Protein backbone atom coordinates (compact mmCIF):
# COMPACT_ATOMS: atom_id res chain seq x y z
CA UNK A 1 -14.67 -10.37 -12.52
CA UNK A 2 -13.80 -12.24 -9.34
CA UNK A 3 -10.12 -12.11 -8.34
CA UNK A 4 -8.06 -15.26 -8.55
CA UNK A 5 -6.65 -14.45 -5.11
CA UNK A 6 -7.18 -11.77 -2.45
CA UNK A 7 -5.03 -11.19 0.56
CA UNK A 8 -4.87 -8.73 3.44
CA UNK A 9 -1.80 -8.24 5.56
CA UNK A 10 -1.12 -6.12 8.61
CA UNK A 11 2.39 -4.71 8.68
CA UNK A 12 3.85 -5.00 12.17
CA UNK A 13 7.43 -3.73 12.06
CA UNK A 14 9.46 -0.83 10.72
CA UNK A 15 11.54 -1.92 7.70
CA UNK A 16 14.68 -0.49 9.33
CA UNK A 17 14.15 -2.22 12.70
CA UNK A 18 17.37 -2.72 14.64
CA UNK A 19 19.21 0.01 12.70
CA UNK A 20 19.68 3.63 13.58
CA UNK A 21 18.02 5.95 11.06
CA UNK A 22 17.61 9.71 10.97
CA UNK A 23 14.21 11.00 12.01
CA UNK A 24 12.00 11.80 9.05
CA UNK A 25 8.91 13.06 10.83
CA UNK A 26 7.50 16.39 9.80
CA UNK A 27 5.87 18.55 12.43
CA UNK A 28 3.65 21.53 11.91
CA UNK A 29 5.21 24.75 13.14
CA UNK A 30 3.58 25.57 16.47
CA UNK A 31 4.31 29.23 17.04
CA UNK A 32 1.05 30.73 18.28
CA UNK A 33 -2.00 29.61 20.26
CA UNK A 34 -4.17 29.07 17.12
CA UNK A 35 -1.48 26.72 15.77
CA UNK A 36 -1.98 24.43 18.76
CA UNK A 37 -5.75 24.52 18.25
CA UNK A 38 -5.35 23.45 14.61
CA UNK A 39 -2.96 20.67 15.65
CA UNK A 40 -5.48 19.46 18.21
CA UNK A 41 -8.30 19.50 15.62
CA UNK A 42 -6.37 17.05 13.41
CA UNK A 43 -5.14 14.76 16.20
CA UNK A 44 -6.34 11.17 15.99
CA UNK A 45 -6.76 8.62 18.73
CA UNK A 46 -5.29 5.74 16.75
CA UNK A 47 -3.62 2.77 18.46
CA UNK A 48 -1.88 1.66 15.24
CA UNK A 49 1.78 2.70 15.29
CA UNK A 50 3.42 4.69 12.52
CA UNK A 51 5.77 2.14 10.98
CA UNK A 52 7.01 3.89 7.85
CA UNK A 53 7.73 7.46 6.88
CA UNK A 54 6.90 8.82 3.43
CA UNK A 55 10.24 7.79 1.93
CA UNK A 56 9.93 4.21 3.30
CA UNK A 57 6.33 4.07 2.04
CA UNK A 58 7.38 4.89 -1.52
CA UNK A 59 10.29 2.43 -1.28
CA UNK A 60 7.80 -0.26 -0.20
CA UNK A 61 5.50 0.48 -3.16
CA UNK A 62 8.49 0.48 -5.51
CA UNK A 63 9.58 -2.96 -4.21
CA UNK A 64 6.06 -4.35 -4.59
CA UNK A 65 5.69 -3.10 -8.17
CA UNK A 66 9.11 -4.42 -9.21
CA UNK A 67 8.45 -7.74 -7.46
CA UNK A 68 5.13 -8.03 -9.34
CA UNK A 69 6.85 -7.57 -12.69
CA UNK A 70 9.57 -10.01 -11.69
CA UNK A 71 7.13 -12.71 -10.55
CA UNK A 72 4.08 -12.17 -12.75
CA UNK A 73 5.83 -10.96 -15.90
CA UNK A 74 6.58 -7.68 -17.60
CA UNK A 75 3.06 -7.55 -19.08
CA UNK A 76 1.48 -7.39 -15.62
CA UNK A 77 -0.77 -4.37 -15.15
CA UNK A 78 -0.71 -2.84 -11.69
CA UNK A 79 -3.32 -0.75 -9.91
CA UNK A 80 -1.75 0.92 -6.89
CA UNK A 81 -4.25 2.48 -4.53
CA UNK A 82 -2.81 5.10 -2.20
CA UNK A 83 -3.61 8.35 -0.48
CA UNK A 84 -2.24 11.73 -1.35
CA UNK A 85 1.49 11.64 -2.00
CA UNK A 86 3.98 13.54 0.13
CA UNK A 87 4.50 17.08 -1.12
CA UNK A 88 8.28 17.03 -0.85
CA UNK A 89 8.99 13.63 -2.45
CA UNK A 90 8.70 12.47 -6.04
CA UNK A 91 6.99 9.17 -6.78
CA UNK A 92 9.41 6.39 -7.75
CA UNK A 93 9.84 5.87 -11.49
CA UNK A 94 8.19 2.45 -11.27
CA UNK A 95 4.90 4.07 -10.16
CA UNK A 96 5.00 6.39 -13.17
CA UNK A 97 5.38 3.51 -15.64
CA UNK A 98 2.63 3.18 -18.27
CA UNK A 99 1.72 -0.28 -16.87
CA UNK A 100 0.82 1.24 -13.49
CA UNK A 101 -2.34 3.12 -12.58
CA UNK A 102 -2.06 5.13 -9.34
CA UNK A 103 -5.12 6.51 -7.62
CA UNK A 104 -7.94 5.83 -5.17
CA UNK A 105 -10.75 3.27 -5.37
CA UNK A 106 -9.13 1.19 -8.12
CA UNK A 107 -10.45 -2.32 -7.31
CA UNK A 108 -13.28 -2.19 -9.85
CA UNK A 109 -11.04 -0.73 -12.52
CA UNK A 110 -8.52 -3.53 -11.94
CA UNK A 111 -11.27 -6.16 -12.23
CA UNK A 112 -12.57 -4.56 -15.41
CA UNK A 113 -9.07 -4.51 -16.94
CA UNK A 114 -8.64 -8.19 -16.05
CA UNK A 115 -11.83 -9.01 -17.93
CA UNK A 116 -10.67 -7.18 -21.05
CA UNK A 117 -7.08 -8.41 -21.29
CA UNK A 118 -5.56 -11.83 -20.49
CA UNK A 119 -2.42 -10.21 -19.04
CA UNK A 120 -1.92 -10.59 -15.28
CA UNK A 121 -3.44 -7.81 -13.17
CA UNK A 122 -2.46 -6.93 -9.60
CA UNK A 123 -4.25 -4.53 -7.26
CA UNK A 124 -2.19 -3.14 -4.38
CA UNK A 125 -4.13 -1.08 -1.84
CA UNK A 126 -1.73 0.73 0.46
CA UNK A 127 -3.86 3.68 1.52
CA UNK A 128 -4.26 2.28 5.05
CA UNK A 129 -0.52 2.25 5.82
CA UNK A 130 0.17 4.98 8.40
CA UNK A 131 2.94 7.40 7.48
CA UNK A 132 2.44 10.04 10.13
CA UNK A 133 0.40 10.74 13.25
CA UNK A 134 -2.43 12.33 11.26
CA UNK A 135 -3.09 9.20 9.15
CA UNK A 136 -6.14 7.18 10.13
CA UNK A 137 -4.71 3.90 8.80
CA UNK A 138 -4.19 0.59 10.56
CA UNK A 139 -1.12 -0.59 8.58
CA UNK A 140 -3.18 -2.95 6.44
CA UNK A 141 -2.02 -3.73 2.92
CA UNK A 142 -4.53 -5.43 0.58
CA UNK A 143 -3.71 -7.37 -2.59
CA UNK A 144 -5.79 -8.96 -5.33
CA UNK A 145 -4.73 -10.78 -8.49
CA UNK A 146 -6.41 -11.74 -11.73
CA UNK A 147 -5.19 -13.77 -14.75
CA UNK A 148 -1.97 -14.93 -13.08
CA UNK A 149 -0.43 -18.16 -14.37
CA UNK A 150 0.74 -19.08 -10.87
CA UNK A 151 -1.62 -20.73 -8.35
CA UNK A 152 -0.42 -18.41 -5.53
CA UNK A 153 0.50 -15.05 -7.09
CA UNK A 154 0.61 -13.25 -3.71
CA UNK A 155 3.52 -15.46 -2.65
CA UNK A 156 5.57 -13.82 -5.39
CA UNK A 157 5.13 -10.37 -3.80
CA UNK A 158 5.59 -11.39 -0.17
CA UNK A 159 9.42 -11.23 -0.23
CA UNK A 160 9.10 -7.46 -0.77
CA UNK A 161 7.32 -7.27 2.61
CA UNK A 162 9.61 -9.46 4.73
CA UNK A 163 11.24 -6.56 6.59
CA UNK A 164 7.79 -5.36 7.72
CA UNK A 165 6.85 -8.72 9.33
CA UNK A 166 3.37 -8.94 7.75
CA UNK A 167 0.59 -10.90 9.47
CA UNK A 168 -2.22 -12.39 7.42
CA UNK A 169 -5.76 -11.19 8.13
CA UNK A 170 -8.91 -13.30 7.81
CA UNK A 171 -11.00 -12.38 4.76
CA UNK A 172 -13.84 -14.85 5.30
CA UNK A 173 -15.95 -12.26 7.11
CA UNK A 174 -15.78 -9.72 4.28
CA UNK A 175 -12.69 -8.17 5.83
CA UNK A 176 -10.35 -5.49 4.52
CA UNK A 177 -9.88 -6.91 1.01
CA UNK A 178 -13.59 -7.49 0.42
CA UNK A 179 -13.90 -4.46 -1.85
CA UNK A 180 -11.54 -6.16 -4.33
CA UNK A 181 -14.27 -8.71 -5.05
CA UNK A 182 -17.03 -6.22 -5.82
């Protein structure tokens, strides 16, 4: 099923910009020469900045899920695509709700669900948001919507992203949200 709307955004600013916040970065312990070699093996030459830490990342996903239910209705089914969670943080309760599926490669599953049920369906792909220096992401967030009563369902979720100053990306060339249409 073809999505009613797809959207890709590049996040450009830390959500706590202009405010002092304690550092939340986690570094590998570098005690011996082999530790430095392992660190070097995982280093990435990535020009995209790290904008959010793990805690801010989960807070962002929590805001998006709650905003989806607020704007699209309580029956909205959400498919949240993300990478491995942080080992020392629990997922927010909203991501553990029965109306939310969390995993990887969920675009087809979201489209299939939309074809089986008239309830609104939202796909949120946040696996490309960098959380630390080892992430390969480019701070792109992708969204797709099916069965929404509103003509512009993405506009209902955008207030949850205001602090991150999102910039819209062109999807006409089969860009980052193209896999939501397959």
